[in-house]
Amino acid sequence: MSEKIALICGSGNVFSDFDRQNACLAQARATLVAGIICTLYARGLSRREAKGSQGLGIRNSHASATRKYPVSA
């Protein structure tokens, strides 16, 4: 491998790095969802159990998005 790869340091907010509107809001939402996903995994809750617990209103479209990517708690 003689090919050189450029390393670019980001700002810590990927949404801002890609000039997305409302980058701070998007980052806050992503951080919140990541926390929720980690809590679900730590508690061993399924989407159905999480939806029914504590009266949380989790829409199916949002709940299914939480299981697409593996997360280590």
PDB file of N, CA and C in Angstrom:
ATOM      1  N   MET A   1       0.832  -1.187   0.000  1.00  0.00           N
ATOM      2  CA  MET A   1       0.000   0.000   0.000  1.00  0.00           C
ATOM      3  C   MET A   1       0.873   1.246   0.000  1.00  0.00           C
ATOM      4  N   SER A   2       1.142   1.743  -1.141  1.00  0.00           N
ATOM      5  CA  SER A   2       1.915   2.974  -1.237  1.00  0.00           C
ATOM      6  C   SER A   2       1.011   4.190  -1.406  1.00  0.00           C
ATOM      7  N   GLU A   3      -0.289   3.951  -1.519  1.00  0.00           N
ATOM      8  CA  GLU A   3      -1.232   5.049  -1.702  1.00  0.00           C
ATOM      9  C   GLU A   3      -1.406   5.819  -0.395  1.00  0.00           C
ATOM     10  N   LYS A   4      -1.295   7.140  -0.464  1.00  0.00           N
ATOM     11  CA  LYS A   4      -1.457   7.962   0.727  1.00  0.00           C
ATOM     12  C   LYS A   4      -2.906   8.400   0.855  1.00  0.00           C
ATOM     13  N   ILE A   5      -3.375   8.407   2.089  1.00  0.00           N
ATOM     14  CA  ILE A   5      -4.744   8.809   2.379  1.00  0.00           C
ATOM     15  C   ILE A   5      -4.694  10.079   3.215  1.00  0.00           C
ATOM     16  N   ALA A   6      -5.455  11.073   2.821  1.00  0.00           N
ATOM     17  CA  ALA A   6      -5.499  12.328   3.565  1.00  0.00           C
ATOM     18  C   ALA A   6      -6.363  12.159   4.805  1.00  0.00           C
ATOM     19  N   LEU A   7      -5.895  12.695   5.908  1.00  0.00           N
ATOM     20  CA  LEU A   7      -6.621  12.657   7.166  1.00  0.00           C
ATOM     21  C   LEU A   7      -7.151  14.055   7.443  1.00  0.00           C
ATOM     22  N   ILE A   8      -8.448  14.136   7.637  1.00  0.00           N
ATOM     23  CA  ILE A   8      -9.081  15.421   7.896  1.00  0.00           C
ATOM     24  C   ILE A   8      -9.732  15.364   9.266  1.00  0.00           C
ATOM     25  N   CYS A   9      -9.442  16.329  10.103  1.00  0.00           N
ATOM     26  CA  CYS A   9     -10.051  16.394  11.433  1.00  0.00           C
ATOM     27  C   CYS A   9     -11.383  17.120  11.339  1.00  0.00           C
ATOM     28  N   GLY A  10     -12.417  16.518  11.893  1.00  0.00           N
ATOM     29  CA  GLY A  10     -13.745  17.119  11.868  1.00  0.00           C
ATOM     30  C   GLY A  10     -13.960  18.022  13.065  1.00  0.00           C
ATOM     31  N   SER A  11     -15.110  18.641  13.072  1.00  0.00           N
ATOM     32  CA  SER A  11     -15.465  19.577  14.146  1.00  0.00           C
ATOM     33  C   SER A  11     -16.044  18.858  15.363  1.00  0.00           C
ATOM     34  N   GLY A  12     -16.380  17.580  15.207  1.00  0.00           N
ATOM     35  CA  GLY A  12     -17.063  16.857  16.269  1.00  0.00           C
ATOM     36  C   GLY A  12     -18.558  16.780  16.013  1.00  0.00           C
ATOM     37  N   ASN A  13     -19.023  17.515  15.012  1.00  0.00           N
ATOM     38  CA  ASN A  13     -20.422  17.480  14.607  1.00  0.00           C
ATOM     39  C   ASN A  13     -20.450  17.185  13.115  1.00  0.00           C
ATOM     40  N   VAL A  14     -20.729  15.932  12.785  1.00  0.00           N
ATOM     41  CA  VAL A  14     -20.700  15.507  11.383  1.00  0.00           C
ATOM     42  C   VAL A  14     -21.716  16.273  10.550  1.00  0.00           C
ATOM     43  N   PHE A  15     -22.817  16.667  11.156  1.00  0.00           N
ATOM     44  CA  PHE A  15     -23.834  17.416  10.419  1.00  0.00           C
ATOM     45  C   PHE A  15     -23.310  18.798  10.035  1.00  0.00           C
ATOM     46  N   SER A  16     -22.561  19.395  10.921  1.00  0.00           N
ATOM     47  CA  SER A  16     -21.950  20.691  10.638  1.00  0.00           C
ATOM     48  C   SER A  16     -20.853  20.553   9.586  1.00  0.00           C
ATOM     49  N   ASP A  17     -20.087  19.481   9.674  1.00  0.00           N
ATOM     50  CA  ASP A  17     -19.006  19.250   8.715  1.00  0.00           C
ATOM     51  C   ASP A  17     -19.526  19.145   7.283  1.00  0.00           C
ATOM     52  N   PHE A  18     -20.765  18.660   7.136  1.00  0.00           N
ATOM     53  CA  PHE A  18     -21.364  18.534   5.808  1.00  0.00           C
ATOM     54  C   PHE A  18     -22.339  19.673   5.512  1.00  0.00           C
ATOM     55  N   ASP A  19     -22.206  20.759   6.252  1.00  0.00           N
ATOM     56  CA  ASP A  19     -22.993  21.985   6.034  1.00  0.00           C
ATOM     57  C   ASP A  19     -24.494  21.748   6.032  1.00  0.00           C
ATOM     58  N   ARG A  20     -24.952  20.910   6.920  1.00  0.00           N
ATOM     59  CA  ARG A  20     -26.389  20.652   7.018  1.00  0.00           C
ATOM     60  C   ARG A  20     -27.053  21.770   7.823  1.00  0.00           C
ATOM     61  N   GLN A  21     -28.235  22.180   7.398  1.00  0.00           N
ATOM     62  CA  GLN A  21     -28.979  23.179   8.158  1.00  0.00           C
ATOM     63  C   GLN A  21     -29.364  22.581   9.504  1.00  0.00           C
ATOM     64  N   ASN A  22     -29.422  23.425  10.525  1.00  0.00           N
ATOM     65  CA  ASN A  22     -29.786  22.997  11.881  1.00  0.00           C
ATOM     66  C   ASN A  22     -28.880  21.871  12.379  1.00  0.00           C
ATOM     67  N   ALA A  23     -27.592  22.015  12.133  1.00  0.00           N
ATOM     68  CA  ALA A  23     -26.623  20.976  12.487  1.00  0.00           C
ATOM     69  C   ALA A  23     -26.605  20.695  13.987  1.00  0.00           C
ATOM     70  N   CYS A  24     -26.730  21.726  14.792  1.00  0.00           N
ATOM     71  CA  CYS A  24     -26.708  21.521  16.249  1.00  0.00           C
ATOM     72  C   CYS A  24     -27.918  20.722  16.710  1.00  0.00           C
ATOM     73  N   LEU A  25     -29.069  21.008  16.132  1.00  0.00           N
ATOM     74  CA  LEU A  25     -30.280  20.271  16.469  1.00  0.00           C
ATOM     75  C   LEU A  25     -30.160  18.812  16.040  1.00  0.00           C
ATOM     76  N   ALA A  26     -29.648  18.589  14.846  1.00  0.00           N
ATOM     77  CA  ALA A  26     -29.471  17.220  14.354  1.00  0.00           C
ATOM     78  C   ALA A  26     -28.500  16.448  15.240  1.00  0.00           C
ATOM     79  N   GLN A  27     -27.428  17.093  15.680  1.00  0.00           N
ATOM     80  CA  GLN A  27     -26.451  16.455  16.566  1.00  0.00           C
ATOM     81  C   GLN A  27     -27.085  16.114  17.907  1.00  0.00           C
ATOM     82  N   ALA A  28     -27.890  17.030  18.440  1.00  0.00           N
ATOM     83  CA  ALA A  28     -28.558  16.781  19.718  1.00  0.00           C
ATOM     84  C   ALA A  28     -29.522  15.603  19.607  1.00  0.00           C
ATOM     85  N   ARG A  29     -30.271  15.550  18.504  1.00  0.00           N
ATOM     86  CA  ARG A  29     -31.195  14.431  18.298  1.00  0.00           C
ATOM     87  C   ARG A  29     -30.447  13.109  18.181  1.00  0.00           C
ATOM     88  N   ALA A  30     -29.354  13.121  17.443  1.00  0.00           N
ATOM     89  CA  ALA A  30     -28.562  11.895  17.267  1.00  0.00           C
ATOM     90  C   ALA A  30     -28.003  11.416  18.601  1.00  0.00           C
ATOM     91  N   THR A  31     -27.543  12.351  19.415  1.00  0.00           N
ATOM     92  CA  THR A  31     -26.995  12.008  20.731  1.00  0.00           C
ATOM     93  C   THR A  31     -28.086  11.433  21.629  1.00  0.00           C
ATOM     94  N   LEU A  32     -29.264  12.031  21.589  1.00  0.00           N
ATOM     95  CA  LEU A  32     -30.383  11.543  22.383  1.00  0.00           C
ATOM     96  C   LEU A  32     -30.798  10.137  21.962  1.00  0.00           C
ATOM     97  N   VAL A  33     -30.923   9.916  20.660  1.00  0.00           N
ATOM     98  CA  VAL A  33     -31.306   8.592  20.154  1.00  0.00           C
ATOM     99  C   VAL A  33     -30.251   7.552  20.520  1.00  0.00           C
ATOM    100  N   ALA A  34     -28.983   7.920  20.422  1.00  0.00           N
ATOM    101  CA  ALA A  34     -27.914   6.985  20.787  1.00  0.00           C
ATOM    102  C   ALA A  34     -28.027   6.591  22.261  1.00  0.00           C
ATOM    103  N   GLY A  35     -28.344   7.552  23.111  1.00  0.00           N
ATOM    104  CA  GLY A  35     -28.528   7.256  24.529  1.00  0.00           C
ATOM    105  C   GLY A  35     -29.700   6.329  24.777  1.00  0.00           C
ATOM    106  N   ILE A  36     -30.782   6.559  24.055  1.00  0.00           N
ATOM    107  CA  ILE A  36     -31.958   5.700  24.187  1.00  0.00           C
ATOM    108  C   ILE A  36     -31.647   4.283  23.717  1.00  0.00           C
ATOM    109  N   ILE A  37     -30.960   4.159  22.590  1.00  0.00           N
ATOM    110  CA  ILE A  37     -30.603   2.842  22.065  1.00  0.00           C
ATOM    111  C   ILE A  37     -29.720   2.093  23.053  1.00  0.00           C
ATOM    112  N   CYS A  38     -28.729   2.766  23.606  1.00  0.00           N
ATOM    113  CA  CYS A  38     -27.843   2.113  24.587  1.00  0.00           C
ATOM    114  C   CYS A  38     -28.621   1.651  25.814  1.00  0.00           C
ATOM    115  N   THR A  39     -29.579   2.464  26.252  1.00  0.00           N
ATOM    116  CA  THR A  39     -30.395   2.086  27.407  1.00  0.00           C
ATOM    117  C   THR A  39     -31.257   0.867  27.083  1.00  0.00           C
ATOM    118  N   LEU A  40     -31.846   0.839  25.886  1.00  0.00           N
ATOM    119  CA  LEU A  40     -32.653  -0.320  25.493  1.00  0.00           C
ATOM    120  C   LEU A  40     -31.818  -1.597  25.475  1.00  0.00           C
ATOM    121  N   TYR A  41     -30.629  -1.514  24.897  1.00  0.00           N
ATOM    122  CA  TYR A  41     -29.752  -2.679  24.856  1.00  0.00           C
ATOM    123  C   TYR A  41     -29.327  -3.105  26.255  1.00  0.00           C
ATOM    124  N   ALA A  42     -28.998  -2.135  27.094  1.00  0.00           N
ATOM    125  CA  ALA A  42     -28.551  -2.451  28.457  1.00  0.00           C
ATOM    126  C   ALA A  42     -29.665  -3.135  29.250  1.00  0.00           C
ATOM    127  N   ARG A  43     -30.899  -2.726  29.013  1.00  0.00           N
ATOM    128  CA  ARG A  43     -32.033  -3.315  29.719  1.00  0.00           C
ATOM    129  C   ARG A  43     -32.574  -4.558  29.034  1.00  0.00           C
ATOM    130  N   GLY A  44     -32.065  -4.854  27.852  1.00  0.00           N
ATOM    131  CA  GLY A  44     -32.511  -6.029  27.118  1.00  0.00           C
ATOM    132  C   GLY A  44     -33.942  -5.921  26.634  1.00  0.00           C
ATOM    133  N   LEU A  45     -34.395  -4.710  26.362  1.00  0.00           N
ATOM    134  CA  LEU A  45     -35.774  -4.494  25.936  1.00  0.00           C
ATOM    135  C   LEU A  45     -35.922  -4.626  24.431  1.00  0.00           C
ATOM    136  N   SER A  46     -37.015  -5.238  24.022  1.00  0.00           N
ATOM    137  CA  SER A  46     -37.361  -5.264  22.605  1.00  0.00           C
ATOM    138  C   SER A  46     -38.062  -3.953  22.269  1.00  0.00           C
ATOM    139  N   ARG A  47     -38.301  -3.722  20.978  1.00  0.00           N
ATOM    140  CA  ARG A  47     -39.036  -2.512  20.579  1.00  0.00           C
ATOM    141  C   ARG A  47     -40.432  -2.504  21.190  1.00  0.00           C
ATOM    142  N   ARG A  48     -41.072  -3.650  21.163  1.00  0.00           N
ATOM    143  CA  ARG A  48     -42.440  -3.741  21.696  1.00  0.00           C
ATOM    144  C   ARG A  48     -42.445  -3.455  23.199  1.00  0.00           C
ATOM    145  N   GLU A  49     -41.484  -4.023  23.920  1.00  0.00           N
ATOM    146  CA  GLU A  49     -41.414  -3.781  25.361  1.00  0.00           C
ATOM    147  C   GLU A  49     -41.112  -2.316  25.658  1.00  0.00           C
ATOM    148  N   ALA A  50     -40.215  -1.729  24.882  1.00  0.00           N
ATOM    149  CA  ALA A  50     -39.861  -0.326  25.089  1.00  0.00           C
ATOM    150  C   ALA A  50     -41.043   0.582  24.788  1.00  0.00           C
ATOM    151  N   LYS A  51     -41.790   0.235  23.765  1.00  0.00           N
ATOM    152  CA  LYS A  51     -42.942   1.048  23.386  1.00  0.00           C
ATOM    153  C   LYS A  51     -43.997   1.026  24.490  1.00  0.00           C
ATOM    154  N   GLY A  52     -44.160  -0.101  25.140  1.00  0.00           N
ATOM    155  CA  GLY A  52     -45.179  -0.222  26.177  1.00  0.00           C
ATOM    156  C   GLY A  52     -44.733   0.237  27.555  1.00  0.00           C
ATOM    157  N   SER A  53     -43.448   0.351  27.788  1.00  0.00           N
ATOM    158  CA  SER A  53     -42.977   0.697  29.125  1.00  0.00           C
ATOM    159  C   SER A  53     -43.031   2.201  29.358  1.00  0.00           C
ATOM    160  N   GLN A  54     -43.428   2.575  30.540  1.00  0.00           N
ATOM    161  CA  GLN A  54     -43.455   3.967  30.979  1.00  0.00           C
ATOM    162  C   GLN A  54     -44.335   4.858  30.114  1.00  0.00           C
ATOM    163  N   GLY A  55     -45.214   4.265  29.325  1.00  0.00           N
ATOM    164  CA  GLY A  55     -46.120   5.061  28.505  1.00  0.00           C
ATOM    165  C   GLY A  55     -45.432   5.859  27.422  1.00  0.00           C
ATOM    166  N   LEU A  56     -44.255   5.422  26.996  1.00  0.00           N
ATOM    167  CA  LEU A  56     -43.534   6.149  25.957  1.00  0.00           C
ATOM    168  C   LEU A  56     -44.213   5.945  24.615  1.00  0.00           C
ATOM    169  N   GLY A  57     -44.382   7.007  23.886  1.00  0.00           N
ATOM    170  CA  GLY A  57     -44.974   6.918  22.567  1.00  0.00           C
ATOM    171  C   GLY A  57     -43.884   6.830  21.518  1.00  0.00           C
ATOM    172  N   ILE A  58     -43.437   5.638  21.199  1.00  0.00           N
ATOM    173  CA  ILE A  58     -42.387   5.438  20.203  1.00  0.00           C
ATOM    174  C   ILE A  58     -43.057   4.946  18.934  1.00  0.00           C
ATOM    175  N   ARG A  59     -42.938   5.711  17.860  1.00  0.00           N
ATOM    176  CA  ARG A  59     -43.531   5.287  16.601  1.00  0.00           C
ATOM    177  C   ARG A  59     -42.735   4.122  16.031  1.00  0.00           C
ATOM    178  N   ASN A  60     -43.427   3.228  15.349  1.00  0.00           N
ATOM    179  CA  ASN A  60     -42.769   2.047  14.784  1.00  0.00           C
ATOM    180  C   ASN A  60     -41.640   2.416  13.840  1.00  0.00           C
ATOM    181  N   SER A  61     -41.812   3.489  13.062  1.00  0.00           N
ATOM    182  CA  SER A  61     -40.760   3.879  12.123  1.00  0.00           C
ATOM    183  C   SER A  61     -39.491   4.282  12.864  1.00  0.00           C
ATOM    184  N   HIS A  62     -39.650   4.931  14.014  1.00  0.00           N
ATOM    185  CA  HIS A  62     -38.479   5.321  14.802  1.00  0.00           C
ATOM    186  C   HIS A  62     -37.887   4.127  15.539  1.00  0.00           C
ATOM    187  N   ALA A  63     -38.751   3.278  16.045  1.00  0.00           N
ATOM    188  CA  ALA A  63     -38.272   2.114  16.784  1.00  0.00           C
ATOM    189  C   ALA A  63     -37.485   1.179  15.884  1.00  0.00           C
ATOM    190  N   SER A  64     -37.933   0.981  14.648  1.00  0.00           N
ATOM    191  CA  SER A  64     -37.217   0.079  13.757  1.00  0.00           C
ATOM    192  C   SER A  64     -35.859   0.645  13.376  1.00  0.00           C
ATOM    193  N   ALA A  65     -35.742   1.945  13.332  1.00  0.00           N
ATOM    194  CA  ALA A  65     -34.460   2.568  13.001  1.00  0.00           C
ATOM    195  C   ALA A  65     -33.430   2.309  14.088  1.00  0.00           C
ATOM    196  N   THR A  66     -33.894   2.106  15.325  1.00  0.00           N
ATOM    197  CA  THR A  66     -32.950   1.887  16.418  1.00  0.00           C
ATOM    198  C   THR A  66     -32.286   0.520  16.354  1.00  0.00           C
ATOM    199  N   ARG A  67     -32.841  -0.421  15.615  1.00  0.00           N
ATOM    200  CA  ARG A  67     -32.288  -1.775  15.553  1.00  0.00           C
ATOM    201  C   ARG A  67     -31.479  -2.048  14.295  1.00  0.00           C
ATOM    202  N   LYS A  68     -31.332  -1.069  13.427  1.00  0.00           N
ATOM    203  CA  LYS A  68     -30.603  -1.291  12.169  1.00  0.00           C
ATOM    204  C   LYS A  68     -29.102  -1.411  12.373  1.00  0.00           C
ATOM    205  N   TYR A  69     -28.601  -0.790  13.420  1.00  0.00           N
ATOM    206  CA  TYR A  69     -27.161  -0.738  13.600  1.00  0.00           C
ATOM    207  C   TYR A  69     -26.798  -1.291  14.971  1.00  0.00           C
ATOM    208  N   PRO A  70     -25.807  -2.170  15.034  1.00  0.00           N
ATOM    209  CA  PRO A  70     -25.400  -2.722  16.328  1.00  0.00           C
ATOM    210  C   PRO A  70     -24.739  -1.651  17.192  1.00  0.00           C
ATOM    211  N   VAL A  71     -25.060  -1.664  18.463  1.00  0.00           N
ATOM    212  CA  VAL A  71     -24.506  -0.686  19.398  1.00  0.00           C
ATOM    213  C   VAL A  71     -24.003  -1.445  20.613  1.00  0.00           C
ATOM    214  N   SER A  72     -22.822  -1.129  21.059  1.00  0.00           N
ATOM    215  CA  SER A  72     -22.336  -1.757  22.285  1.00  0.00           C
ATOM    216  C   SER A  72     -22.557  -0.792  23.433  1.00  0.00           C
ATOM    217  N   ALA A  73     -23.214  -1.274  24.452  1.00  0.00           N
ATOM    218  CA  ALA A  73     -23.556  -0.417  25.613  1.00  0.00           C
ATOM    219  C   ALA A  73     -22.431  -0.421  26.614  1.00  0.00           C
TER     220      ALA A  73
END
